[in-house]
Amino acid sequence: MSLKDMFKKRTLTPQEKRQADRIRKAKDTLMEYQAPEGLFQKCSNCGKAVYNEDIIENYYVCPHCGSYFRIRPRTRIAMVIDEGTFKEWDECMETSDPLDFPGYKKKLEHQRSITNLNEAVITGQGKIAGKDVVIAVMGADFMMGSMGEVVGEKITRAVERATKLRLPVIIFTCSGGARMQEGIVSLMQMAKTSAALKRHDEAGLLYITVLTDPTTGGVTASFAMLGDVILAEPGALIGFAGPRVIEQTIGQKLPEGFQKSEFLLEHGFVDKIVERKHLRKVLATVIRSCEYEQ
């Protein structure tokens, strides 16, 4: 790539400009936290250097190979929620460290200092295309999005409030699974979140899951797969155990692309794969359609 091409800018459509502005106004954009020491970062898939501004304008997708950068919860919220409408819930909830696990509290403090998050999920209420929704967004940066008592409690509370307010729920999943430092307490969150979603379903209300890379472990085995509509981003790893673990266990080579979102769509686990730039529009369409049916 020549220096001239590196700084060459394409013309954005009015919609893309509005989207880029919305993302820049998020509290934790890629430029602020994920690449604080330069104008470029390297794509982990193709290895090419990408101008940070181009990443933002391209919805955090590599313009060279199309691979998806992982994004932080507030950046995700800025992408899909109407500007100025999001109200966060249970922001200051912290774990009780139920097992008194050695070094766990210190690790949590470190995670909070480097991610600007209190926990691995943000929940709250906002609007999408003028329609009220309850949203929960998980983030991989905070202990790989692992689910402990706080993550389970925040999601459960959000779903219960949505049921009371008769609002649709949208959960963006991104997790390595249950948090081992909390043992059986973390596994209990699978049943707790699922029970809350069952009550939400019995009330005749909509639940949408958006599976992002990676969605694994106890999260996959609980609320991630309970959506009335299950969407996924392209190329996302989705499964219970990872492919390397499965291959080592069964002693066989897995099919090409196994546990990627495209593979799951083909086998009926996912309803639709949606590119990031179209996700807000698709969510709005699904919400309006279900509202009409009711």
C-alpha atoms as a PDB file:
ATOM      1  CA  MET A   1       0.000   0.000   0.000  1.00  0.00           C
ATOM      2  CA  SER A   2       1.429   3.391  -0.963  1.00  0.00           C
ATOM      3  CA  LEU A   3       1.440   6.337   1.428  1.00  0.00           C
ATOM      4  CA  LYS A   4      -0.931   8.142  -0.936  1.00  0.00           C
ATOM      5  CA  ASP A   5      -3.423   5.271  -0.913  1.00  0.00           C
ATOM      6  CA  MET A   6      -3.114   4.944   2.834  1.00  0.00           C
ATOM      7  CA  PHE A   7      -4.565   8.414   3.355  1.00  0.00           C
ATOM      8  CA  LYS A   8      -7.037   8.325   0.484  1.00  0.00           C
ATOM      9  CA  LYS A   9     -10.575   8.934   1.730  1.00  0.00           C
ATOM     10  CA  ARG A  10     -13.755   7.735   0.094  1.00  0.00           C
ATOM     11  CA  THR A  11     -16.941   9.814   0.052  1.00  0.00           C
ATOM     12  CA  LEU A  12     -19.473   8.741   2.676  1.00  0.00           C
ATOM     13  CA  THR A  13     -23.200   8.661   2.103  1.00  0.00           C
ATOM     14  CA  PRO A  14     -25.344  10.870   4.408  1.00  0.00           C
ATOM     15  CA  GLN A  15     -26.434   7.749   6.333  1.00  0.00           C
ATOM     16  CA  GLU A  16     -22.823   6.630   6.797  1.00  0.00           C
ATOM     17  CA  LYS A  17     -21.857  10.104   8.027  1.00  0.00           C
ATOM     18  CA  ARG A  18     -24.630  10.038  10.639  1.00  0.00           C
ATOM     19  CA  GLN A  19     -23.558   6.564  11.714  1.00  0.00           C
ATOM     20  CA  ALA A  20     -19.890   7.576  11.998  1.00  0.00           C
ATOM     21  CA  ASP A  21     -20.830  10.646  14.056  1.00  0.00           C
ATOM     22  CA  ARG A  22     -22.968   8.487  16.360  1.00  0.00           C
ATOM     23  CA  ILE A  23     -20.086   6.085  16.942  1.00  0.00           C
ATOM     24  CA  ARG A  24     -17.586   8.886  17.611  1.00  0.00           C
ATOM     25  CA  LYS A  25     -19.844  10.243  20.326  1.00  0.00           C
ATOM     26  CA  ALA A  26     -19.767   6.913  22.181  1.00  0.00           C
ATOM     27  CA  LYS A  27     -17.871   7.012  25.469  1.00  0.00           C
ATOM     28  CA  ASP A  28     -15.425   4.250  24.487  1.00  0.00           C
ATOM     29  CA  THR A  29     -14.652   4.338  20.782  1.00  0.00           C
ATOM     30  CA  LEU A  30     -11.799   2.318  19.331  1.00  0.00           C
ATOM     31  CA  MET A  31      -9.626   5.416  18.952  1.00  0.00           C
ATOM     32  CA  GLU A  32     -10.008   6.343  22.622  1.00  0.00           C
ATOM     33  CA  TYR A  33      -9.184   3.006  24.237  1.00  0.00           C
ATOM     34  CA  GLN A  34      -8.295   0.261  21.795  1.00  0.00           C
ATOM     35  CA  ALA A  35      -5.626   2.132  19.828  1.00  0.00           C
ATOM     36  CA  PRO A  36      -4.410   4.958  22.071  1.00  0.00           C
ATOM     37  CA  GLU A  37      -0.858   5.214  20.714  1.00  0.00           C
ATOM     38  CA  GLY A  38      -1.205   5.709  16.968  1.00  0.00           C
ATOM     39  CA  LEU A  39      -3.252   6.442  13.884  1.00  0.00           C
ATOM     40  CA  PHE A  40      -3.237   2.839  12.666  1.00  0.00           C
ATOM     41  CA  GLN A  41      -3.819  -0.651  13.906  1.00  0.00           C
ATOM     42  CA  LYS A  42      -3.166  -4.050  12.427  1.00  0.00           C
ATOM     43  CA  CYS A  43      -5.999  -6.290  11.284  1.00  0.00           C
ATOM     44  CA  SER A  44      -5.626  -9.644  13.054  1.00  0.00           C
ATOM     45  CA  ASN A  45      -7.019 -11.474  10.007  1.00  0.00           C
ATOM     46  CA  CYS A  46      -5.179 -10.057   6.985  1.00  0.00           C
ATOM     47  CA  GLY A  47      -2.307  -8.402   8.833  1.00  0.00           C
ATOM     48  CA  LYS A  48      -2.641  -5.074   7.028  1.00  0.00           C
ATOM     49  CA  ALA A  49      -2.378  -1.701   8.717  1.00  0.00           C
ATOM     50  CA  VAL A  50      -5.688   0.134   8.811  1.00  0.00           C
ATOM     51  CA  TYR A  51      -6.240   3.833   9.465  1.00  0.00           C
ATOM     52  CA  ASN A  52      -8.334   4.161  12.633  1.00  0.00           C
ATOM     53  CA  GLU A  53     -10.664   6.718  11.093  1.00  0.00           C
ATOM     54  CA  ASP A  54     -11.410   4.280   8.266  1.00  0.00           C
ATOM     55  CA  ILE A  55     -12.211   1.566  10.809  1.00  0.00           C
ATOM     56  CA  ILE A  56     -14.722   3.800  12.557  1.00  0.00           C
ATOM     57  CA  GLU A  57     -16.371   4.915   9.328  1.00  0.00           C
ATOM     58  CA  ASN A  58     -16.552   1.293   8.172  1.00  0.00           C
ATOM     59  CA  TYR A  59     -18.420   0.145  11.303  1.00  0.00           C
ATOM     60  CA  TYR A  60     -15.253  -1.381  12.789  1.00  0.00           C
ATOM     61  CA  VAL A  61     -14.845  -3.738   9.835  1.00  0.00           C
ATOM     62  CA  CYS A  62     -11.504  -4.138   8.053  1.00  0.00           C
ATOM     63  CA  PRO A  63     -11.795  -2.396   4.646  1.00  0.00           C
ATOM     64  CA  HIS A  64      -9.251  -4.827   3.164  1.00  0.00           C
ATOM     65  CA  CYS A  65     -10.573  -8.268   4.114  1.00  0.00           C
ATOM     66  CA  GLY A  66     -13.973  -7.593   5.703  1.00  0.00           C
ATOM     67  CA  SER A  67     -13.138  -9.167   9.061  1.00  0.00           C
ATOM     68  CA  TYR A  68     -14.867  -7.746  12.124  1.00  0.00           C
ATOM     69  CA  PHE A  69     -13.096  -5.935  14.935  1.00  0.00           C
ATOM     70  CA  ARG A  70     -14.569  -6.582  18.367  1.00  0.00           C
ATOM     71  CA  ILE A  71     -16.194  -3.459  19.744  1.00  0.00           C
ATOM     72  CA  ARG A  72     -16.985  -2.234  23.213  1.00  0.00           C
ATOM     73  CA  PRO A  73     -20.488  -2.194  24.674  1.00  0.00           C
ATOM     74  CA  ARG A  74     -21.043   1.579  24.591  1.00  0.00           C
ATOM     75  CA  THR A  75     -19.799   1.775  21.030  1.00  0.00           C
ATOM     76  CA  ARG A  76     -22.269  -0.962  20.137  1.00  0.00           C
ATOM     77  CA  ILE A  77     -25.058   0.934  21.876  1.00  0.00           C
ATOM     78  CA  ALA A  78     -24.149   4.086  19.948  1.00  0.00           C
ATOM     79  CA  MET A  79     -24.462   2.105  16.714  1.00  0.00           C
ATOM     80  CA  VAL A  80     -27.999   0.848  17.275  1.00  0.00           C
ATOM     81  CA  ILE A  81     -29.739   3.080  19.845  1.00  0.00           C
ATOM     82  CA  ASP A  82     -31.195   6.483  18.927  1.00  0.00           C
ATOM     83  CA  GLU A  83     -28.864   9.245  20.030  1.00  0.00           C
ATOM     84  CA  GLY A  84     -29.547  10.601  23.505  1.00  0.00           C
ATOM     85  CA  THR A  85     -32.168   7.992  24.428  1.00  0.00           C
ATOM     86  CA  PHE A  86     -30.120   5.387  26.307  1.00  0.00           C
ATOM     87  CA  LYS A  87     -30.461   5.176  30.089  1.00  0.00           C
ATOM     88  CA  GLU A  88     -28.149   2.714  31.819  1.00  0.00           C
ATOM     89  CA  TRP A  89     -29.410   0.433  34.607  1.00  0.00           C
ATOM     90  CA  ASP A  90     -27.541  -1.085  37.563  1.00  0.00           C
ATOM     91  CA  GLU A  91     -24.336   0.652  36.570  1.00  0.00           C
ATOM     92  CA  CYS A  92     -22.499   0.266  39.893  1.00  0.00           C
ATOM     93  CA  MET A  93     -23.318  -3.369  40.691  1.00  0.00           C
ATOM     94  CA  GLU A  94     -20.213  -5.287  41.780  1.00  0.00           C
ATOM     95  CA  THR A  95     -19.542  -8.938  42.520  1.00  0.00           C
ATOM     96  CA  SER A  96     -19.408 -10.220  46.085  1.00  0.00           C
ATOM     97  CA  ASP A  97     -16.555 -12.631  45.200  1.00  0.00           C
ATOM     98  CA  PRO A  98     -18.635 -15.587  46.448  1.00  0.00           C
ATOM     99  CA  LEU A  99     -15.717 -18.054  46.606  1.00  0.00           C
ATOM    100  CA  ASP A 100     -13.141 -15.590  47.953  1.00  0.00           C
ATOM    101  CA  PHE A 101     -11.048 -16.655  44.970  1.00  0.00           C
ATOM    102  CA  PRO A 102      -7.346 -15.715  45.338  1.00  0.00           C
ATOM    103  CA  GLY A 103      -6.473 -12.583  43.373  1.00  0.00           C
ATOM    104  CA  TYR A 104      -9.968 -12.214  41.906  1.00  0.00           C
ATOM    105  CA  LYS A 105     -10.791  -8.821  43.407  1.00  0.00           C
ATOM    106  CA  LYS A 106      -7.460  -7.403  42.295  1.00  0.00           C
ATOM    107  CA  LYS A 107      -8.052  -8.721  38.784  1.00  0.00           C
ATOM    108  CA  LEU A 108     -11.499  -7.108  38.693  1.00  0.00           C
ATOM    109  CA  GLU A 109     -10.033  -3.772  39.787  1.00  0.00           C
ATOM    110  CA  HIS A 110      -7.454  -4.006  37.007  1.00  0.00           C
ATOM    111  CA  GLN A 111     -10.132  -4.834  34.436  1.00  0.00           C
ATOM    112  CA  ARG A 112     -12.202  -1.829  35.510  1.00  0.00           C
ATOM    113  CA  SER A 113      -9.205   0.480  35.230  1.00  0.00           C
ATOM    114  CA  ILE A 114      -8.292  -0.561  31.678  1.00  0.00           C
ATOM    115  CA  THR A 115     -11.778  -1.000  30.171  1.00  0.00           C
ATOM    116  CA  ASN A 116     -13.792   1.824  31.768  1.00  0.00           C
ATOM    117  CA  LEU A 117     -16.440  -0.817  32.560  1.00  0.00           C
ATOM    118  CA  ASN A 118     -17.679  -2.051  35.924  1.00  0.00           C
ATOM    119  CA  GLU A 119     -18.597  -5.468  34.556  1.00  0.00           C
ATOM    120  CA  ALA A 120     -18.842  -7.530  31.371  1.00  0.00           C
ATOM    121  CA  VAL A 121     -22.329  -6.309  30.424  1.00  0.00           C
ATOM    122  CA  ILE A 122     -24.145  -2.984  30.141  1.00  0.00           C
ATOM    123  CA  THR A 123     -27.940  -2.966  30.416  1.00  0.00           C
ATOM    124  CA  GLY A 124     -30.528  -0.254  30.021  1.00  0.00           C
ATOM    125  CA  GLN A 125     -33.393   1.219  28.048  1.00  0.00           C
ATOM    126  CA  GLY A 126     -33.391   3.232  24.841  1.00  0.00           C
ATOM    127  CA  LYS A 127     -35.070   3.671  21.488  1.00  0.00           C
ATOM    128  CA  ILE A 128     -34.429   2.150  18.080  1.00  0.00           C
ATOM    129  CA  ALA A 129     -36.066   4.153  15.289  1.00  0.00           C
ATOM    130  CA  GLY A 130     -38.312   5.686  17.931  1.00  0.00           C
ATOM    131  CA  LYS A 131     -39.383   2.363  19.465  1.00  0.00           C
ATOM    132  CA  ASP A 132     -38.614   1.703  23.140  1.00  0.00           C
ATOM    133  CA  VAL A 133     -36.432  -1.336  23.819  1.00  0.00           C
ATOM    134  CA  VAL A 134     -34.457  -2.870  26.675  1.00  0.00           C
ATOM    135  CA  ILE A 135     -30.917  -3.749  25.652  1.00  0.00           C
ATOM    136  CA  ALA A 136     -28.029  -5.697  27.177  1.00  0.00           C
ATOM    137  CA  VAL A 137     -24.610  -5.620  25.538  1.00  0.00           C
ATOM    138  CA  MET A 138     -21.754  -7.880  26.585  1.00  0.00           C
ATOM    139  CA  GLY A 139     -18.117  -6.942  26.077  1.00  0.00           C
ATOM    140  CA  ALA A 140     -15.140  -9.232  25.458  1.00  0.00           C
ATOM    141  CA  ASP A 141     -12.631  -6.777  26.934  1.00  0.00           C
ATOM    142  CA  PHE A 142     -13.843  -7.362  30.494  1.00  0.00           C
ATOM    143  CA  MET A 143     -12.616 -10.864  31.426  1.00  0.00           C
ATOM    144  CA  MET A 144     -13.580 -12.152  27.981  1.00  0.00           C
ATOM    145  CA  GLY A 145     -17.245 -11.359  28.640  1.00  0.00           C
ATOM    146  CA  SER A 146     -17.434 -14.183  31.168  1.00  0.00           C
ATOM    147  CA  MET A 147     -20.716 -14.571  33.049  1.00  0.00           C
ATOM    148  CA  GLY A 148     -20.592 -14.287  36.823  1.00  0.00           C
ATOM    149  CA  GLU A 149     -23.207 -13.311  39.374  1.00  0.00           C
ATOM    150  CA  VAL A 150     -23.279  -9.647  38.331  1.00  0.00           C
ATOM    151  CA  VAL A 151     -23.658 -10.371  34.606  1.00  0.00           C
ATOM    152  CA  GLY A 152     -26.471 -12.833  35.327  1.00  0.00           C
ATOM    153  CA  GLU A 153     -28.159 -10.494  37.794  1.00  0.00           C
ATOM    154  CA  LYS A 154     -27.995  -7.465  35.497  1.00  0.00           C
ATOM    155  CA  ILE A 155     -29.428  -9.397  32.563  1.00  0.00           C
ATOM    156  CA  THR A 156     -32.147 -10.940  34.733  1.00  0.00           C
ATOM    157  CA  ARG A 157     -33.143  -7.559  36.162  1.00  0.00           C
ATOM    158  CA  ALA A 158     -33.198  -6.031  32.691  1.00  0.00           C
ATOM    159  CA  VAL A 159     -35.468  -8.789  31.369  1.00  0.00           C
ATOM    160  CA  GLU A 160     -37.783  -8.545  34.375  1.00  0.00           C
ATOM    161  CA  ARG A 161     -38.097  -4.768  33.959  1.00  0.00           C
ATOM    162  CA  ALA A 162     -38.768  -5.250  30.260  1.00  0.00           C
ATOM    163  CA  THR A 163     -41.552  -7.690  31.115  1.00  0.00           C
ATOM    164  CA  LYS A 164     -43.060  -5.220  33.573  1.00  0.00           C
ATOM    165  CA  LEU A 165     -42.810  -2.377  31.045  1.00  0.00           C
ATOM    166  CA  ARG A 166     -43.955  -4.664  28.210  1.00  0.00           C
ATOM    167  CA  LEU A 167     -40.924  -3.873  26.067  1.00  0.00           C
ATOM    168  CA  PRO A 168     -38.886  -6.030  23.681  1.00  0.00           C
ATOM    169  CA  VAL A 169     -35.473  -7.245  24.848  1.00  0.00           C
ATOM    170  CA  ILE A 170     -32.314  -7.258  22.717  1.00  0.00           C
ATOM    171  CA  ILE A 171     -29.178  -8.971  24.006  1.00  0.00           C
ATOM    172  CA  PHE A 172     -25.829  -8.759  22.223  1.00  0.00           C
ATOM    173  CA  THR A 173     -23.845 -11.787  23.329  1.00  0.00           C
ATOM    174  CA  CYS A 174     -20.060 -11.918  23.460  1.00  0.00           C
ATOM    175  CA  SER A 175     -18.600 -14.309  26.006  1.00  0.00           C
ATOM    176  CA  GLY A 176     -16.089 -17.007  26.795  1.00  0.00           C
ATOM    177  CA  GLY A 177     -18.693 -18.650  29.046  1.00  0.00           C
ATOM    178  CA  ALA A 178     -19.201 -18.960  32.797  1.00  0.00           C
ATOM    179  CA  ARG A 179     -16.656 -17.205  35.051  1.00  0.00           C
ATOM    180  CA  MET A 180     -14.532 -19.879  36.701  1.00  0.00           C
ATOM    181  CA  GLN A 181     -13.610 -17.652  39.672  1.00  0.00           C
ATOM    182  CA  GLU A 182     -17.238 -17.854  40.831  1.00  0.00           C
ATOM    183  CA  GLY A 183     -17.743 -21.595  40.388  1.00  0.00           C
ATOM    184  CA  ILE A 184     -21.288 -22.924  40.783  1.00  0.00           C
ATOM    185  CA  VAL A 185     -22.581 -19.376  41.373  1.00  0.00           C
ATOM    186  CA  SER A 186     -21.707 -18.506  37.784  1.00  0.00           C
ATOM    187  CA  LEU A 187     -23.434 -21.641  36.477  1.00  0.00           C
ATOM    188  CA  MET A 188     -26.593 -20.726  38.391  1.00  0.00           C
ATOM    189  CA  GLN A 189     -26.911 -17.643  36.200  1.00  0.00           C
ATOM    190  CA  MET A 190     -27.803 -19.881  33.256  1.00  0.00           C
ATOM    191  CA  ALA A 191     -31.011 -21.009  34.962  1.00  0.00           C
ATOM    192  CA  LYS A 192     -31.798 -17.571  36.399  1.00  0.00           C
ATOM    193  CA  THR A 193     -31.565 -15.706  33.092  1.00  0.00           C
ATOM    194  CA  SER A 194     -33.463 -18.450  31.261  1.00  0.00           C
ATOM    195  CA  ALA A 195     -36.291 -18.366  33.809  1.00  0.00           C
ATOM    196  CA  ALA A 196     -36.650 -14.594  33.437  1.00  0.00           C
ATOM    197  CA  LEU A 197     -36.802 -14.959  29.657  1.00  0.00           C
ATOM    198  CA  LYS A 198     -39.420 -17.692  29.979  1.00  0.00           C
ATOM    199  CA  ARG A 199     -41.656 -15.301  31.924  1.00  0.00           C
ATOM    200  CA  HIS A 200     -40.989 -12.626  29.304  1.00  0.00           C
ATOM    201  CA  ASP A 201     -42.060 -15.066  26.591  1.00  0.00           C
ATOM    202  CA  GLU A 202     -45.203 -16.087  28.488  1.00  0.00           C
ATOM    203  CA  ALA A 203     -46.149 -12.412  28.597  1.00  0.00           C
ATOM    204  CA  GLY A 204     -46.153 -12.457  24.783  1.00  0.00           C
ATOM    205  CA  LEU A 205     -43.135 -10.164  24.414  1.00  0.00           C
ATOM    206  CA  LEU A 206     -40.293 -10.138  21.899  1.00  0.00           C
ATOM    207  CA  TYR A 207     -36.743 -11.266  22.608  1.00  0.00           C
ATOM    208  CA  ILE A 208     -33.961 -10.818  20.031  1.00  0.00           C
ATOM    209  CA  THR A 209     -30.433 -12.136  20.414  1.00  0.00           C
ATOM    210  CA  VAL A 210     -27.507 -10.891  18.357  1.00  0.00           C
ATOM    211  CA  LEU A 211     -24.600 -13.330  18.495  1.00  0.00           C
ATOM    212  CA  THR A 212     -21.169 -11.752  18.090  1.00  0.00           C
ATOM    213  CA  ASP A 213     -17.645 -13.132  18.185  1.00  0.00           C
ATOM    214  CA  PRO A 214     -17.190 -15.135  20.348  1.00  0.00           C
ATOM    215  CA  THR A 215     -20.367 -16.539  21.921  1.00  0.00           C
ATOM    216  CA  THR A 216     -19.450 -19.712  23.795  1.00  0.00           C
ATOM    217  CA  GLY A 217     -19.902 -21.774  26.953  1.00  0.00           C
ATOM    218  CA  GLY A 218     -22.699 -21.190  29.447  1.00  0.00           C
ATOM    219  CA  VAL A 219     -23.933 -18.098  27.617  1.00  0.00           C
ATOM    220  CA  THR A 220     -24.521 -20.159  24.467  1.00  0.00           C
ATOM    221  CA  ALA A 221     -26.179 -22.865  26.579  1.00  0.00           C
ATOM    222  CA  SER A 222     -28.640 -20.390  28.094  1.00  0.00           C
ATOM    223  CA  PHE A 223     -29.955 -17.003  27.006  1.00  0.00           C
ATOM    224  CA  ALA A 224     -27.990 -16.723  23.741  1.00  0.00           C
ATOM    225  CA  MET A 225     -30.060 -19.441  22.075  1.00  0.00           C
ATOM    226  CA  LEU A 226     -33.461 -18.544  23.534  1.00  0.00           C
ATOM    227  CA  GLY A 227     -34.298 -15.632  21.241  1.00  0.00           C
ATOM    228  CA  ASP A 228     -37.527 -15.489  19.268  1.00  0.00           C
ATOM    229  CA  VAL A 229     -35.279 -14.124  16.544  1.00  0.00           C
ATOM    230  CA  ILE A 230     -31.586 -15.067  16.561  1.00  0.00           C
ATOM    231  CA  LEU A 231     -29.286 -12.853  14.505  1.00  0.00           C
ATOM    232  CA  ALA A 232     -25.516 -13.148  14.128  1.00  0.00           C
ATOM    233  CA  GLU A 233     -22.645 -11.113  12.770  1.00  0.00           C
ATOM    234  CA  PRO A 234     -20.626 -12.572   9.869  1.00  0.00           C
ATOM    235  CA  GLY A 235     -17.793 -14.901  10.845  1.00  0.00           C
ATOM    236  CA  ALA A 236     -18.662 -15.026  14.538  1.00  0.00           C
ATOM    237  CA  LEU A 237     -17.523 -18.058  16.549  1.00  0.00           C
ATOM    238  CA  ILE A 238     -20.612 -19.572  18.175  1.00  0.00           C
ATOM    239  CA  GLY A 239     -20.664 -22.793  20.167  1.00  0.00           C
ATOM    240  CA  PHE A 240     -20.336 -24.434  23.562  1.00  0.00           C
ATOM    241  CA  ALA A 241     -16.762 -25.734  23.618  1.00  0.00           C
ATOM    242  CA  GLY A 242     -14.283 -24.286  21.151  1.00  0.00           C
ATOM    243  CA  PRO A 243     -13.357 -26.210  17.982  1.00  0.00           C
ATOM    244  CA  ARG A 244      -9.840 -27.043  19.215  1.00  0.00           C
ATOM    245  CA  VAL A 245     -11.235 -28.574  22.405  1.00  0.00           C
ATOM    246  CA  ILE A 246     -13.732 -30.630  20.419  1.00  0.00           C
ATOM    247  CA  GLU A 247     -11.076 -31.879  18.007  1.00  0.00           C
ATOM    248  CA  GLN A 248      -8.829 -32.927  20.888  1.00  0.00           C
ATOM    249  CA  THR A 249     -11.738 -34.691  22.576  1.00  0.00           C
ATOM    250  CA  ILE A 250     -13.077 -36.667  19.605  1.00  0.00           C
ATOM    251  CA  GLY A 251      -9.763 -37.077  17.815  1.00  0.00           C
ATOM    252  CA  GLN A 252     -11.191 -35.942  14.486  1.00  0.00           C
ATOM    253  CA  LYS A 253     -10.859 -32.945  12.215  1.00  0.00           C
ATOM    254  CA  LEU A 254     -13.964 -30.760  12.190  1.00  0.00           C
ATOM    255  CA  PRO A 255     -15.626 -29.479   8.990  1.00  0.00           C
ATOM    256  CA  GLU A 256     -14.338 -26.231   7.481  1.00  0.00           C
ATOM    257  CA  GLY A 257     -15.919 -23.218   9.154  1.00  0.00           C
ATOM    258  CA  PHE A 258     -17.392 -25.323  11.957  1.00  0.00           C
ATOM    259  CA  GLN A 259     -19.076 -23.143  14.628  1.00  0.00           C
ATOM    260  CA  LYS A 260     -18.896 -20.016  12.506  1.00  0.00           C
ATOM    261  CA  SER A 261     -22.166 -18.089  12.135  1.00  0.00           C
ATOM    262  CA  GLU A 262     -22.476 -19.121   8.474  1.00  0.00           C
ATOM    263  CA  PHE A 263     -22.258 -22.810   9.453  1.00  0.00           C
ATOM    264  CA  LEU A 264     -24.923 -22.329  12.133  1.00  0.00           C
ATOM    265  CA  LEU A 265     -27.213 -20.508   9.709  1.00  0.00           C
ATOM    266  CA  GLU A 266     -26.925 -23.421   7.289  1.00  0.00           C
ATOM    267  CA  HIS A 267     -27.849 -25.871  10.059  1.00  0.00           C
ATOM    268  CA  GLY A 268     -30.787 -23.899  11.446  1.00  0.00           C
ATOM    269  CA  PHE A 269     -29.322 -22.487  14.667  1.00  0.00           C
ATOM    270  CA  VAL A 270     -29.372 -18.876  13.436  1.00  0.00           C
ATOM    271  CA  ASP A 271     -32.220 -17.076  11.674  1.00  0.00           C
ATOM    272  CA  LYS A 272     -30.185 -14.492   9.779  1.00  0.00           C
ATOM    273  CA  ILE A 273     -26.644 -13.192   9.437  1.00  0.00           C
ATOM    274  CA  VAL A 274     -26.635  -9.396   9.391  1.00  0.00           C
ATOM    275  CA  GLU A 275     -23.750  -7.137   8.470  1.00  0.00           C
ATOM    276  CA  ARG A 276     -22.972  -4.598  11.141  1.00  0.00           C
ATOM    277  CA  LYS A 277     -23.877  -1.634   8.955  1.00  0.00           C
ATOM    278  CA  HIS A 278     -27.388  -3.038   8.422  1.00  0.00           C
ATOM    279  CA  LEU A 279     -28.045  -4.208  11.979  1.00  0.00           C
ATOM    280  CA  ARG A 280     -29.856  -1.135  13.276  1.00  0.00           C
ATOM    281  CA  LYS A 281     -32.259  -1.192  10.317  1.00  0.00           C
ATOM    282  CA  VAL A 282     -32.916  -4.937  10.667  1.00  0.00           C
ATOM    283  CA  LEU A 283     -33.609  -4.625  14.398  1.00  0.00           C
ATOM    284  CA  ALA A 284     -36.047  -1.779  13.756  1.00  0.00           C
ATOM    285  CA  THR A 285     -37.817  -3.852  11.092  1.00  0.00           C
ATOM    286  CA  VAL A 286     -38.170  -6.885  13.379  1.00  0.00           C
ATOM    287  CA  ILE A 287     -39.498  -4.763  16.238  1.00  0.00           C
ATOM    288  CA  ARG A 288     -42.052  -3.037  14.022  1.00  0.00           C
ATOM    289  CA  SER A 289     -43.154  -6.357  12.479  1.00  0.00           C
ATOM    290  CA  CYS A 290     -43.744  -8.009  15.838  1.00  0.00           C
ATOM    291  CA  GLU A 291     -45.520  -4.937  17.136  1.00  0.00           C
ATOM    292  CA  TYR A 292     -47.852  -5.095  14.141  1.00  0.00           C
ATOM    293  CA  GLU A 293     -48.540  -8.797  14.703  1.00  0.00           C
ATOM    294  CA  GLN A 294     -49.465  -8.194  18.340  1.00  0.00           C
END
